[in-house]
N, C-alpha and C. Protein backbone atom coordinates (compact mmCIF):
# COMPACT_ATOMS: atom_id res chain seq x y z
N MET A 1 -32.88 93.75 -160.08
CA MET A 1 -32.33 94.51 -158.97
C MET A 1 -31.24 93.70 -158.29
N GLU A 2 -30.08 94.32 -158.09
CA GLU A 2 -28.97 93.61 -157.45
C GLU A 2 -29.26 93.38 -155.98
N THR A 3 -28.63 92.35 -155.45
CA THR A 3 -28.79 91.97 -154.06
C THR A 3 -28.05 92.95 -153.15
N ILE A 4 -28.59 93.13 -151.94
CA ILE A 4 -27.91 93.91 -150.91
C ILE A 4 -26.80 93.03 -150.33
N VAL A 5 -25.61 93.60 -150.23
CA VAL A 5 -24.45 92.91 -149.70
C VAL A 5 -24.00 93.67 -148.44
N PHE A 6 -23.61 92.94 -147.41
CA PHE A 6 -23.11 93.55 -146.19
C PHE A 6 -21.61 93.33 -146.09
N ARG A 7 -20.89 94.35 -145.63
CA ARG A 7 -19.46 94.22 -145.36
C ARG A 7 -19.09 95.16 -144.24
N ASP A 8 -17.92 94.91 -143.65
CA ASP A 8 -17.40 95.79 -142.61
C ASP A 8 -16.68 96.97 -143.24
N ALA A 9 -16.88 98.14 -142.66
CA ALA A 9 -16.21 99.35 -143.15
C ALA A 9 -14.72 99.29 -142.82
N VAL A 10 -13.95 99.97 -143.65
CA VAL A 10 -12.51 100.15 -143.44
C VAL A 10 -12.25 101.66 -143.41
N GLU A 11 -11.04 102.03 -143.04
CA GLU A 11 -10.71 103.45 -142.90
C GLU A 11 -11.00 104.25 -144.17
N ALA A 12 -10.81 103.65 -145.33
CA ALA A 12 -11.05 104.36 -146.59
C ALA A 12 -12.52 104.73 -146.77
N ASP A 13 -13.43 104.10 -146.02
CA ASP A 13 -14.86 104.39 -146.11
C ASP A 13 -15.27 105.61 -145.29
N ILE A 14 -14.39 106.14 -144.45
CA ILE A 14 -14.77 107.20 -143.51
C ILE A 14 -15.40 108.41 -144.18
N PRO A 15 -14.81 109.01 -145.23
CA PRO A 15 -15.47 110.19 -145.84
C PRO A 15 -16.89 109.90 -146.33
N ALA A 16 -17.10 108.76 -146.96
CA ALA A 16 -18.44 108.40 -147.45
C ALA A 16 -19.40 108.15 -146.28
N LEU A 17 -18.90 107.56 -145.20
CA LEU A 17 -19.75 107.32 -144.03
C LEU A 17 -20.17 108.62 -143.37
N VAL A 18 -19.24 109.55 -143.23
CA VAL A 18 -19.58 110.85 -142.63
C VAL A 18 -20.67 111.52 -143.48
N ALA A 19 -20.53 111.49 -144.80
CA ALA A 19 -21.52 112.09 -145.68
C ALA A 19 -22.87 111.39 -145.56
N LEU A 20 -22.88 110.06 -145.53
CA LEU A 20 -24.12 109.30 -145.42
C LEU A 20 -24.84 109.60 -144.12
N VAL A 21 -24.13 109.50 -143.00
CA VAL A 21 -24.74 109.71 -141.69
C VAL A 21 -25.26 111.14 -141.57
N THR A 22 -24.47 112.09 -142.04
CA THR A 22 -24.90 113.49 -142.00
C THR A 22 -26.16 113.69 -142.84
N SER A 23 -26.21 113.09 -144.03
CA SER A 23 -27.37 113.27 -144.91
C SER A 23 -28.64 112.69 -144.30
N ALA A 24 -28.51 111.64 -143.48
CA ALA A 24 -29.67 111.00 -142.89
C ALA A 24 -30.21 111.74 -141.67
N TYR A 25 -29.38 112.55 -141.02
CA TYR A 25 -29.78 113.14 -139.74
C TYR A 25 -29.76 114.66 -139.67
N ARG A 26 -28.97 115.33 -140.51
CA ARG A 26 -28.77 116.76 -140.34
C ARG A 26 -29.11 117.53 -141.61
N GLY A 27 -29.55 118.75 -141.41
CA GLY A 27 -29.74 119.68 -142.52
C GLY A 27 -30.93 119.34 -143.39
N ASP A 28 -31.11 120.13 -144.44
CA ASP A 28 -32.26 119.99 -145.31
C ASP A 28 -32.30 118.66 -146.05
N ALA A 29 -31.15 118.11 -146.42
CA ALA A 29 -31.12 116.82 -147.13
C ALA A 29 -31.79 115.73 -146.30
N SER A 30 -31.63 115.80 -144.97
CA SER A 30 -32.18 114.76 -144.10
C SER A 30 -33.71 114.78 -144.09
N ARG A 31 -34.31 115.90 -144.47
CA ARG A 31 -35.77 116.01 -144.43
C ARG A 31 -36.44 115.15 -145.51
N ALA A 32 -35.66 114.64 -146.46
CA ALA A 32 -36.20 113.74 -147.48
C ALA A 32 -36.58 112.39 -146.87
N GLY A 33 -35.98 112.05 -145.74
CA GLY A 33 -36.28 110.80 -145.04
C GLY A 33 -37.00 111.10 -143.74
N TRP A 34 -37.33 110.05 -142.99
CA TRP A 34 -38.09 110.26 -141.76
C TRP A 34 -37.21 110.21 -140.51
N THR A 35 -35.90 109.96 -140.66
CA THR A 35 -35.02 109.86 -139.50
C THR A 35 -34.38 111.18 -139.11
N THR A 36 -34.71 112.26 -139.79
CA THR A 36 -34.07 113.54 -139.55
C THR A 36 -34.11 113.97 -138.08
N GLU A 37 -33.02 114.57 -137.65
CA GLU A 37 -32.96 115.21 -136.33
C GLU A 37 -32.77 116.72 -136.49
N ALA A 38 -33.02 117.22 -137.71
CA ALA A 38 -32.71 118.61 -138.03
C ALA A 38 -33.44 119.61 -137.13
N ASP A 39 -34.60 119.24 -136.58
CA ASP A 39 -35.31 120.15 -135.69
C ASP A 39 -34.85 120.02 -134.24
N LEU A 40 -34.04 119.00 -133.96
CA LEU A 40 -33.57 118.76 -132.59
C LEU A 40 -32.11 119.15 -132.40
N LEU A 41 -31.31 118.92 -133.43
CA LEU A 41 -29.86 119.09 -133.32
C LEU A 41 -29.30 119.73 -134.57
N ASP A 42 -28.21 120.46 -134.37
CA ASP A 42 -27.47 121.05 -135.48
C ASP A 42 -26.03 120.55 -135.37
N GLY A 43 -25.22 120.89 -136.33
CA GLY A 43 -23.80 120.50 -136.26
C GLY A 43 -23.57 119.07 -136.68
N ASN A 44 -22.50 118.50 -136.17
CA ASN A 44 -22.06 117.15 -136.55
C ASN A 44 -23.00 116.07 -136.03
N ARG A 45 -23.07 114.96 -136.76
CA ARG A 45 -23.73 113.76 -136.28
C ARG A 45 -22.69 112.70 -135.95
N ILE A 46 -21.56 112.76 -136.65
CA ILE A 46 -20.47 111.81 -136.40
C ILE A 46 -19.15 112.51 -136.64
N ASP A 47 -18.19 112.17 -135.82
CA ASP A 47 -16.85 112.73 -135.92
C ASP A 47 -15.95 111.71 -136.61
N PRO A 48 -15.18 112.11 -137.62
CA PRO A 48 -14.34 111.15 -138.35
C PRO A 48 -13.37 110.38 -137.44
N GLU A 49 -12.83 111.03 -136.41
CA GLU A 49 -11.89 110.33 -135.53
C GLU A 49 -12.59 109.31 -134.65
N VAL A 50 -13.81 109.62 -134.20
CA VAL A 50 -14.59 108.65 -133.44
C VAL A 50 -14.91 107.46 -134.34
N LEU A 51 -15.28 107.74 -135.57
CA LEU A 51 -15.58 106.70 -136.55
C LEU A 51 -14.35 105.82 -136.79
N ARG A 52 -13.19 106.43 -136.96
CA ARG A 52 -11.95 105.67 -137.15
C ARG A 52 -11.72 104.73 -135.96
N GLY A 53 -11.90 105.25 -134.76
CA GLY A 53 -11.74 104.43 -133.56
C GLY A 53 -12.69 103.25 -133.54
N ASP A 54 -13.95 103.48 -133.96
CA ASP A 54 -14.94 102.40 -133.98
C ASP A 54 -14.58 101.33 -135.02
N ILE A 55 -13.98 101.74 -136.13
CA ILE A 55 -13.58 100.79 -137.17
C ILE A 55 -12.39 99.95 -136.70
N LEU A 56 -11.46 100.56 -135.99
CA LEU A 56 -10.21 99.90 -135.64
C LEU A 56 -10.25 99.08 -134.35
N ARG A 57 -11.14 99.39 -133.43
CA ARG A 57 -11.08 98.70 -132.14
C ARG A 57 -11.70 97.31 -132.20
N ALA A 58 -11.23 96.47 -131.29
CA ALA A 58 -11.75 95.09 -131.20
C ALA A 58 -13.21 95.13 -130.75
N ASP A 59 -13.95 94.10 -131.09
CA ASP A 59 -15.35 93.96 -130.68
C ASP A 59 -16.22 95.13 -131.12
N SER A 60 -15.92 95.66 -132.30
CA SER A 60 -16.65 96.79 -132.87
C SER A 60 -16.63 96.66 -134.38
N ARG A 61 -17.78 96.84 -135.01
CA ARG A 61 -17.87 96.76 -136.47
C ARG A 61 -18.80 97.84 -136.98
N ILE A 62 -18.42 98.48 -138.06
CA ILE A 62 -19.32 99.36 -138.79
C ILE A 62 -19.80 98.53 -139.99
N LEU A 63 -21.08 98.19 -139.99
CA LEU A 63 -21.65 97.40 -141.07
C LEU A 63 -22.12 98.32 -142.19
N LEU A 64 -21.80 97.96 -143.41
CA LEU A 64 -22.25 98.70 -144.57
C LEU A 64 -23.22 97.83 -145.36
N ALA A 65 -24.30 98.44 -145.83
CA ALA A 65 -25.23 97.78 -146.75
C ALA A 65 -24.97 98.39 -148.12
N GLU A 66 -24.60 97.54 -149.08
CA GLU A 66 -24.24 98.03 -150.41
C GLU A 66 -25.03 97.30 -151.49
N ARG A 67 -25.21 97.98 -152.60
CA ARG A 67 -25.79 97.37 -153.79
C ARG A 67 -25.00 97.91 -154.97
N GLY A 68 -24.45 97.02 -155.76
CA GLY A 68 -23.65 97.44 -156.91
C GLY A 68 -22.45 98.28 -156.52
N GLY A 69 -21.88 98.02 -155.35
CA GLY A 69 -20.71 98.76 -154.88
C GLY A 69 -21.03 100.11 -154.28
N GLU A 70 -22.31 100.49 -154.22
CA GLU A 70 -22.71 101.78 -153.67
C GLU A 70 -23.22 101.59 -152.23
N THR A 71 -22.71 102.40 -151.30
CA THR A 71 -23.14 102.32 -149.91
C THR A 71 -24.50 102.98 -149.75
N LEU A 72 -25.46 102.20 -149.24
CA LEU A 72 -26.84 102.67 -149.07
C LEU A 72 -27.20 102.89 -147.62
N GLY A 73 -26.47 102.22 -146.72
CA GLY A 73 -26.78 102.33 -145.30
C GLY A 73 -25.62 101.84 -144.47
N CYS A 74 -25.67 102.19 -143.17
CA CYS A 74 -24.61 101.75 -142.25
C CYS A 74 -25.18 101.65 -140.84
N ALA A 75 -24.46 100.93 -140.01
CA ALA A 75 -24.78 100.84 -138.59
C ALA A 75 -23.53 100.42 -137.85
N HIS A 76 -23.40 100.89 -136.63
CA HIS A 76 -22.29 100.49 -135.76
C HIS A 76 -22.82 99.47 -134.77
N VAL A 77 -22.10 98.39 -134.60
CA VAL A 77 -22.43 97.39 -133.59
C VAL A 77 -21.15 97.07 -132.84
N CYS A 78 -21.28 96.96 -131.51
CA CYS A 78 -20.11 96.65 -130.69
C CYS A 78 -20.57 95.90 -129.45
N ILE A 79 -19.58 95.43 -128.70
CA ILE A 79 -19.88 94.75 -127.44
C ILE A 79 -19.73 95.77 -126.33
N GLU A 80 -20.80 95.87 -125.52
CA GLU A 80 -20.80 96.82 -124.40
C GLU A 80 -21.58 96.22 -123.24
N ASP A 81 -20.93 96.08 -122.10
CA ASP A 81 -21.58 95.57 -120.89
C ASP A 81 -22.27 94.22 -121.10
N GLY A 82 -21.61 93.30 -121.80
CA GLY A 82 -22.12 91.95 -121.97
C GLY A 82 -23.26 91.79 -122.97
N ALA A 83 -23.51 92.84 -123.76
CA ALA A 83 -24.56 92.77 -124.79
C ALA A 83 -24.05 93.47 -126.03
N GLY A 84 -24.79 93.31 -127.12
CA GLY A 84 -24.48 94.09 -128.31
C GLY A 84 -25.01 95.50 -128.12
N TYR A 85 -24.33 96.45 -128.71
CA TYR A 85 -24.82 97.84 -128.71
C TYR A 85 -24.94 98.28 -130.16
N PHE A 86 -26.08 98.85 -130.51
CA PHE A 86 -26.41 99.25 -131.88
C PHE A 86 -26.52 100.76 -131.96
N GLY A 87 -25.85 101.34 -132.95
CA GLY A 87 -25.93 102.80 -133.10
C GLY A 87 -25.52 103.23 -134.49
N MET A 88 -25.47 104.54 -134.69
CA MET A 88 -25.07 105.15 -135.95
C MET A 88 -25.80 104.52 -137.15
N PHE A 89 -27.06 104.26 -136.96
CA PHE A 89 -27.90 103.62 -137.96
C PHE A 89 -28.33 104.68 -138.97
N ALA A 90 -27.95 104.51 -140.22
CA ALA A 90 -28.29 105.51 -141.24
C ALA A 90 -28.59 104.82 -142.56
N ILE A 91 -29.67 105.24 -143.18
CA ILE A 91 -30.06 104.81 -144.52
C ILE A 91 -30.16 106.07 -145.37
N ARG A 92 -29.66 105.99 -146.59
CA ARG A 92 -29.75 107.15 -147.49
C ARG A 92 -31.19 107.68 -147.48
N PRO A 93 -31.39 108.99 -147.28
CA PRO A 93 -32.75 109.53 -147.13
C PRO A 93 -33.71 109.16 -148.26
N ASP A 94 -33.26 109.12 -149.50
CA ASP A 94 -34.16 108.81 -150.61
C ASP A 94 -34.53 107.33 -150.67
N LEU A 95 -33.91 106.50 -149.84
CA LEU A 95 -34.22 105.07 -149.81
C LEU A 95 -34.94 104.65 -148.53
N GLN A 96 -35.16 105.59 -147.62
CA GLN A 96 -35.82 105.24 -146.36
C GLN A 96 -37.25 104.82 -146.60
N GLY A 97 -37.70 103.86 -145.80
CA GLY A 97 -39.06 103.37 -145.92
C GLY A 97 -39.23 102.23 -146.90
N ALA A 98 -38.13 101.76 -147.51
CA ALA A 98 -38.21 100.70 -148.51
C ALA A 98 -37.80 99.32 -147.98
N GLY A 99 -37.51 99.23 -146.68
CA GLY A 99 -37.17 97.94 -146.08
C GLY A 99 -35.69 97.68 -145.89
N LEU A 100 -34.83 98.56 -146.39
CA LEU A 100 -33.39 98.37 -146.25
C LEU A 100 -32.95 98.43 -144.79
N GLY A 101 -33.53 99.34 -144.02
CA GLY A 101 -33.19 99.45 -142.61
C GLY A 101 -33.49 98.18 -141.84
N LYS A 102 -34.62 97.56 -142.17
CA LYS A 102 -35.01 96.30 -141.53
C LYS A 102 -33.96 95.23 -141.79
N LEU A 103 -33.45 95.17 -143.02
CA LEU A 103 -32.41 94.18 -143.38
C LEU A 103 -31.11 94.46 -142.63
N LEU A 104 -30.72 95.72 -142.55
CA LEU A 104 -29.48 96.09 -141.88
C LEU A 104 -29.56 95.82 -140.39
N LEU A 105 -30.68 96.15 -139.76
CA LEU A 105 -30.88 95.86 -138.35
C LEU A 105 -30.82 94.35 -138.10
N ALA A 106 -31.44 93.57 -138.97
CA ALA A 106 -31.40 92.10 -138.84
C ALA A 106 -29.97 91.58 -138.96
N GLU A 107 -29.17 92.15 -139.85
CA GLU A 107 -27.77 91.74 -139.98
C GLU A 107 -26.99 92.08 -138.71
N ALA A 108 -27.23 93.26 -138.14
CA ALA A 108 -26.55 93.63 -136.90
C ALA A 108 -26.93 92.67 -135.77
N GLU A 109 -28.20 92.32 -135.69
CA GLU A 109 -28.65 91.36 -134.68
C GLU A 109 -28.01 89.99 -134.90
N ARG A 110 -27.86 89.59 -136.16
CA ARG A 110 -27.21 88.32 -136.47
C ARG A 110 -25.76 88.31 -135.99
N VAL A 111 -25.05 89.41 -136.22
CA VAL A 111 -23.66 89.52 -135.78
C VAL A 111 -23.58 89.32 -134.26
N VAL A 112 -24.45 90.01 -133.54
CA VAL A 112 -24.42 89.94 -132.08
C VAL A 112 -24.80 88.54 -131.59
N ARG A 113 -25.83 87.96 -132.17
CA ARG A 113 -26.33 86.65 -131.75
C ARG A 113 -25.41 85.50 -132.18
N GLU A 114 -24.99 85.49 -133.45
CA GLU A 114 -24.24 84.35 -133.99
C GLU A 114 -22.73 84.50 -133.90
N ASP A 115 -22.21 85.66 -134.28
CA ASP A 115 -20.76 85.84 -134.27
C ASP A 115 -20.22 86.07 -132.86
N TRP A 116 -20.92 86.87 -132.07
CA TRP A 116 -20.44 87.21 -130.73
C TRP A 116 -21.13 86.42 -129.63
N LYS A 117 -22.19 85.66 -129.96
CA LYS A 117 -22.90 84.80 -129.00
C LYS A 117 -23.39 85.58 -127.77
N LEU A 118 -23.95 86.75 -128.01
CA LEU A 118 -24.46 87.58 -126.92
C LEU A 118 -25.98 87.47 -126.84
N PRO A 119 -26.55 87.63 -125.64
CA PRO A 119 -27.99 87.38 -125.44
C PRO A 119 -28.92 88.53 -125.80
N ALA A 120 -28.38 89.74 -125.97
CA ALA A 120 -29.27 90.89 -126.15
C ALA A 120 -28.59 91.99 -126.95
N MET A 121 -29.42 92.87 -127.50
CA MET A 121 -28.94 94.08 -128.19
C MET A 121 -29.56 95.27 -127.45
N ARG A 122 -28.73 96.30 -127.25
CA ARG A 122 -29.21 97.55 -126.65
C ARG A 122 -28.89 98.71 -127.57
N MET A 123 -29.62 99.79 -127.37
CA MET A 123 -29.35 101.03 -128.09
C MET A 123 -29.86 102.18 -127.25
N THR A 124 -29.41 103.37 -127.59
CA THR A 124 -29.97 104.56 -126.97
C THR A 124 -30.62 105.39 -128.06
N VAL A 125 -31.82 105.90 -127.75
CA VAL A 125 -32.59 106.71 -128.68
C VAL A 125 -33.00 107.99 -127.96
N ILE A 126 -32.94 109.12 -128.64
CA ILE A 126 -33.41 110.36 -128.03
C ILE A 126 -34.88 110.16 -127.68
N ASP A 127 -35.23 110.36 -126.41
CA ASP A 127 -36.54 109.93 -125.93
C ASP A 127 -37.72 110.73 -126.46
N VAL A 128 -37.50 111.84 -127.14
CA VAL A 128 -38.62 112.57 -127.76
C VAL A 128 -38.88 112.09 -129.19
N ARG A 129 -38.11 111.11 -129.67
CA ARG A 129 -38.27 110.58 -131.03
C ARG A 129 -39.29 109.44 -131.03
N ASP A 130 -40.55 109.76 -130.77
CA ASP A 130 -41.60 108.75 -130.63
C ASP A 130 -41.73 107.84 -131.85
N GLU A 131 -41.66 108.40 -133.05
CA GLU A 131 -41.81 107.61 -134.27
C GLU A 131 -40.66 106.61 -134.41
N LEU A 132 -39.44 107.03 -134.05
CA LEU A 132 -38.28 106.15 -134.12
C LEU A 132 -38.37 105.04 -133.06
N ILE A 133 -38.78 105.40 -131.85
CA ILE A 133 -38.95 104.39 -130.80
C ILE A 133 -40.01 103.37 -131.23
N ALA A 134 -41.09 103.83 -131.83
CA ALA A 134 -42.13 102.92 -132.31
C ALA A 134 -41.59 101.96 -133.38
N TYR A 135 -40.71 102.48 -134.26
CA TYR A 135 -40.07 101.64 -135.28
C TYR A 135 -39.33 100.48 -134.61
N TYR A 136 -38.55 100.78 -133.58
CA TYR A 136 -37.79 99.73 -132.90
C TYR A 136 -38.72 98.80 -132.11
N GLU A 137 -39.77 99.34 -131.52
CA GLU A 137 -40.71 98.48 -130.79
C GLU A 137 -41.36 97.47 -131.73
N ARG A 138 -41.66 97.88 -132.96
CA ARG A 138 -42.24 96.95 -133.93
C ARG A 138 -41.25 95.83 -134.28
N ARG A 139 -40.00 96.04 -134.03
CA ARG A 139 -38.96 95.04 -134.30
C ARG A 139 -38.50 94.31 -133.04
N GLY A 140 -39.29 94.40 -131.98
CA GLY A 140 -39.04 93.61 -130.78
C GLY A 140 -38.26 94.29 -129.68
N TYR A 141 -37.91 95.54 -129.84
CA TYR A 141 -37.20 96.26 -128.78
C TYR A 141 -38.19 96.78 -127.76
N ARG A 142 -37.75 96.88 -126.52
CA ARG A 142 -38.62 97.41 -125.48
C ARG A 142 -37.94 98.58 -124.78
N ARG A 143 -38.75 99.50 -124.33
CA ARG A 143 -38.24 100.63 -123.56
C ARG A 143 -37.87 100.11 -122.17
N THR A 144 -36.69 100.44 -121.72
CA THR A 144 -36.25 99.97 -120.40
C THR A 144 -36.58 100.95 -119.29
N GLY A 145 -36.86 102.19 -119.66
CA GLY A 145 -37.08 103.23 -118.65
C GLY A 145 -35.78 103.84 -118.16
N ILE A 146 -34.65 103.29 -118.61
CA ILE A 146 -33.34 103.83 -118.22
C ILE A 146 -33.06 105.04 -119.10
N LYS A 147 -32.82 106.17 -118.46
CA LYS A 147 -32.54 107.42 -119.19
C LYS A 147 -31.07 107.79 -118.97
N LYS A 148 -30.48 108.38 -119.99
CA LYS A 148 -29.10 108.85 -119.91
C LYS A 148 -29.05 110.28 -120.42
N PRO A 149 -28.15 111.08 -119.88
CA PRO A 149 -28.07 112.46 -120.35
C PRO A 149 -27.56 112.55 -121.78
N PHE A 150 -28.04 113.54 -122.50
CA PHE A 150 -27.53 113.81 -123.84
C PHE A 150 -26.24 114.60 -123.70
N PRO A 151 -25.19 114.26 -124.47
CA PRO A 151 -23.91 114.98 -124.35
C PRO A 151 -23.97 116.38 -124.95
N ALA A 152 -24.74 117.24 -124.31
CA ALA A 152 -25.05 118.57 -124.86
C ALA A 152 -23.83 119.48 -124.98
N THR A 153 -22.76 119.15 -124.28
CA THR A 153 -21.59 120.04 -124.32
C THR A 153 -20.48 119.49 -125.22
N ASP A 154 -20.75 118.41 -125.95
CA ASP A 154 -19.74 117.83 -126.84
C ASP A 154 -20.15 118.06 -128.29
N PRO A 155 -19.60 119.10 -128.93
CA PRO A 155 -20.03 119.43 -130.29
C PRO A 155 -19.71 118.37 -131.33
N ARG A 156 -18.90 117.33 -130.99
CA ARG A 156 -18.65 116.25 -131.93
C ARG A 156 -19.93 115.50 -132.27
N PHE A 157 -20.93 115.56 -131.39
CA PHE A 157 -22.16 114.78 -131.57
C PHE A 157 -23.38 115.64 -131.81
N GLY A 158 -23.19 116.92 -132.05
CA GLY A 158 -24.31 117.78 -132.37
C GLY A 158 -24.53 118.86 -131.33
N ILE A 159 -25.20 119.88 -131.77
CA ILE A 159 -25.53 121.01 -130.91
C ILE A 159 -27.03 121.00 -130.71
N PRO A 160 -27.50 120.74 -129.47
CA PRO A 160 -28.95 120.67 -129.24
C PRO A 160 -29.64 121.99 -129.55
N LEU A 161 -30.81 121.90 -130.17
CA LEU A 161 -31.62 123.07 -130.47
C LEU A 161 -32.72 123.24 -129.42
N ARG A 162 -32.77 122.31 -128.46
CA ARG A 162 -33.70 122.40 -127.33
C ARG A 162 -33.01 121.80 -126.12
N ASN A 163 -33.50 122.13 -124.92
CA ASN A 163 -32.77 121.73 -123.71
C ASN A 163 -33.37 120.52 -122.99
N ASP A 164 -34.29 119.79 -123.63
CA ASP A 164 -34.92 118.66 -122.96
C ASP A 164 -34.51 117.31 -123.56
N LEU A 165 -33.40 117.27 -124.29
CA LEU A 165 -33.00 116.02 -124.94
C LEU A 165 -32.29 115.10 -123.96
N ARG A 166 -32.64 113.85 -123.99
CA ARG A 166 -31.94 112.80 -123.25
C ARG A 166 -32.16 111.49 -123.98
N PHE A 167 -31.35 110.51 -123.65
CA PHE A 167 -31.45 109.20 -124.27
C PHE A 167 -32.27 108.26 -123.40
N GLU A 168 -32.95 107.32 -124.06
CA GLU A 168 -33.56 106.20 -123.37
C GLU A 168 -32.95 104.93 -123.94
N VAL A 169 -32.68 103.97 -123.07
CA VAL A 169 -32.11 102.69 -123.47
C VAL A 169 -33.25 101.77 -123.92
N LEU A 170 -33.11 101.22 -125.13
CA LEU A 170 -34.02 100.19 -125.64
C LEU A 170 -33.24 98.88 -125.66
N GLU A 171 -33.95 97.75 -125.49
CA GLU A 171 -33.28 96.46 -125.44
C GLU A 171 -34.15 95.38 -126.08
N LYS A 172 -33.48 94.42 -126.69
CA LYS A 172 -34.15 93.26 -127.28
C LYS A 172 -33.37 92.02 -126.93
N ASN A 173 -34.06 90.99 -126.43
CA ASN A 173 -33.41 89.70 -126.22
C ASN A 173 -33.27 89.01 -127.56
N LEU A 174 -32.09 88.46 -127.81
CA LEU A 174 -31.83 87.80 -129.09
C LEU A 174 -31.89 86.29 -128.91
């Protein structure tokens, strides 16, 4: 089995990234994995122009996990409010549960801790996603109790299928 290699995404990766992120979170394909949001949200999970901006701006990286030149997972990490911010975490649905996500999260934490010398990583998770929050808690993240509204009126990030969605901030000291 070939080794997992990490690299930063470039603009040419955008179509493949949109397909990967969409497959992990939206529609019937996402139901093959456990990260699906298909019962919570419809529509887009990522906008290509937002993705382009994240690739091009300073203090922001889209990390790709690849094996044999094939993209298996991705995550966005950036500097926000003096800490690392982790998001857009996606693993191909047929590979979820095999440990790849753990490796990618560890690489994102390494970037924040070693490359950017920041003390903590934060993320926002839809607060009704108990299984996902538990996944992060097992990896050292804690619920902060800080809630943020879900951007329910911005179709670039999905169309809510229920009206009680909001984000909770999780944090881990690095």
